[in-house]
Amino acid sequence: MTRYVLRRILWGILLLILVSALTFVLFRILPTAEPARLRAMAAPAERRQDVCEHESVRLSLDNLMTFPWIATAISAGRLKLHGCFFDIRSGILERLGGDGIFRAIAD
């Protein structure tokens, strides 16, 4: 019985360490959407949500470019990244153009 309790305690400690490490990685190491939020706060109040959503797509594309294998594949012409946003309120799918502007994709 004592061995069972000790094993359960050790597994609990191990699980606590793993969850703590995962939490650290998610909230301290991986990039956040804070830059998107800051850019959105500069927009008029009625447009902030849309601006933040679009900026999050741009931020995700920028983050992907920090991975060497992705940047290499793009520079070699083997990969092309596209940024899209689906506005669930209107049902419109928008694509980020080369000029940095989101435009609705035609039906």
Protein backbone atom coordinates (compact mmCIF):
# COMPACT_ATOMS: atom_id res chain seq x y z
CA MET A 1 0.00 0.00 0.00
CA THR A 2 2.84 2.39 0.88
CA ARG A 3 4.53 1.78 -2.50
CA TYR A 4 1.25 2.55 -4.26
CA VAL A 5 0.87 5.86 -2.42
CA LEU A 6 4.49 6.81 -3.09
CA ARG A 7 4.10 6.01 -6.80
CA ARG A 8 0.97 8.15 -6.98
CA ILE A 9 2.75 11.03 -5.25
CA LEU A 10 5.73 10.75 -7.61
CA TRP A 11 3.44 10.69 -10.66
CA GLY A 12 1.63 13.73 -9.30
CA ILE A 13 4.93 15.59 -8.88
CA LEU A 14 6.04 14.58 -12.37
CA LEU A 15 2.72 15.73 -13.82
CA LEU A 16 3.03 19.04 -11.98
CA ILE A 17 6.53 19.57 -13.42
CA LEU A 18 5.34 18.76 -16.95
CA VAL A 19 2.34 21.08 -16.73
CA SER A 20 4.54 23.85 -15.30
CA ALA A 21 7.05 23.43 -18.13
CA LEU A 22 4.30 23.46 -20.77
CA THR A 23 2.75 26.57 -19.22
CA PHE A 24 6.15 28.28 -19.24
CA VAL A 25 6.65 27.47 -22.92
CA LEU A 26 3.17 28.61 -23.92
CA PHE A 27 3.13 31.87 -22.01
CA ARG A 28 6.79 32.93 -21.85
CA ILE A 29 8.60 31.57 -24.89
CA LEU A 30 6.05 31.44 -27.71
CA PRO A 31 5.07 34.81 -29.13
CA THR A 32 1.85 36.40 -28.00
CA ALA A 33 -0.71 38.49 -29.79
CA GLU A 34 0.29 41.58 -27.82
CA PRO A 35 1.70 43.38 -30.89
CA ALA A 36 -1.61 42.83 -32.69
CA ARG A 37 -3.55 44.17 -29.71
CA LEU A 38 -1.33 47.25 -29.51
CA ARG A 39 -1.81 48.02 -33.22
CA ALA A 40 -5.55 47.52 -32.86
CA MET A 41 -5.74 49.96 -29.95
CA ALA A 42 -4.55 52.71 -32.31
CA ALA A 43 -7.62 52.12 -34.53
CA PRO A 44 -11.03 53.72 -33.98
CA ALA A 45 -13.04 51.89 -31.31
CA GLU A 46 -15.59 50.47 -33.76
CA ARG A 47 -12.82 48.88 -35.89
CA ARG A 48 -10.57 47.52 -33.13
CA GLN A 49 -11.83 43.95 -33.24
CA ASP A 50 -11.42 43.67 -37.02
CA VAL A 51 -7.99 45.30 -36.92
CA CYS A 52 -6.85 42.98 -34.11
CA GLU A 53 -8.04 39.91 -36.04
CA HIS A 54 -6.26 41.01 -39.22
CA GLU A 55 -3.11 41.91 -37.29
CA SER A 56 -3.15 38.46 -35.68
CA VAL A 57 -3.00 36.89 -39.14
CA ARG A 58 -0.06 39.12 -40.07
CA LEU A 59 1.65 38.28 -36.78
CA SER A 60 1.17 34.54 -37.42
CA LEU A 61 2.77 34.86 -40.85
CA ASP A 62 5.68 36.82 -39.38
CA ASN A 63 6.10 34.16 -36.70
CA LEU A 64 6.19 31.39 -39.31
CA MET A 65 9.05 33.16 -41.04
CA THR A 66 11.18 32.80 -37.89
CA PHE A 67 11.42 29.04 -38.47
CA PRO A 68 14.54 28.42 -40.57
CA TRP A 69 13.07 25.53 -42.58
CA ILE A 70 10.08 27.65 -43.56
CA ALA A 71 12.20 30.67 -44.52
CA THR A 72 14.50 28.39 -46.54
CA ALA A 73 11.59 26.74 -48.38
CA ILE A 74 10.09 30.13 -49.19
CA SER A 75 13.36 31.57 -50.48
CA ALA A 76 13.86 28.41 -52.61
CA GLY A 77 10.38 28.82 -54.07
CA ARG A 78 9.10 25.50 -52.65
CA LEU A 79 6.63 27.12 -50.28
CA LYS A 80 4.36 30.15 -50.34
CA LEU A 81 2.46 31.42 -47.32
CA HIS A 82 -1.02 32.92 -47.58
CA GLY A 83 -2.90 34.76 -44.88
CA CYS A 84 -6.67 34.50 -44.81
CA PHE A 85 -9.37 35.63 -42.43
CA PHE A 86 -12.95 34.37 -42.27
CA ASP A 87 -15.39 36.89 -40.82
CA ILE A 88 -18.02 34.65 -39.28
CA ARG A 89 -20.38 37.61 -38.77
CA SER A 90 -20.60 38.40 -42.48
CA GLY A 91 -19.55 35.06 -43.97
CA ILE A 92 -16.83 36.75 -46.01
CA LEU A 93 -13.43 35.14 -46.56
CA GLU A 94 -10.63 37.66 -46.95
CA ARG A 95 -7.11 37.08 -48.22
CA LEU A 96 -4.07 39.15 -47.36
CA GLY A 97 -2.62 40.57 -50.55
CA GLY A 98 0.99 41.30 -51.39
CA ASP A 99 0.28 44.96 -50.65
CA GLY A 100 -0.68 44.12 -47.04
CA ILE A 101 -4.40 44.74 -47.51
CA PHE A 102 -7.13 42.16 -46.83
CA ARG A 103 -9.61 41.79 -49.70
CA ALA A 104 -12.68 39.62 -49.99
CA ILE A 105 -12.23 36.51 -52.10
CA ALA A 106 -14.76 36.44 -54.95
CA ASP A 107 -17.35 33.65 -55.00
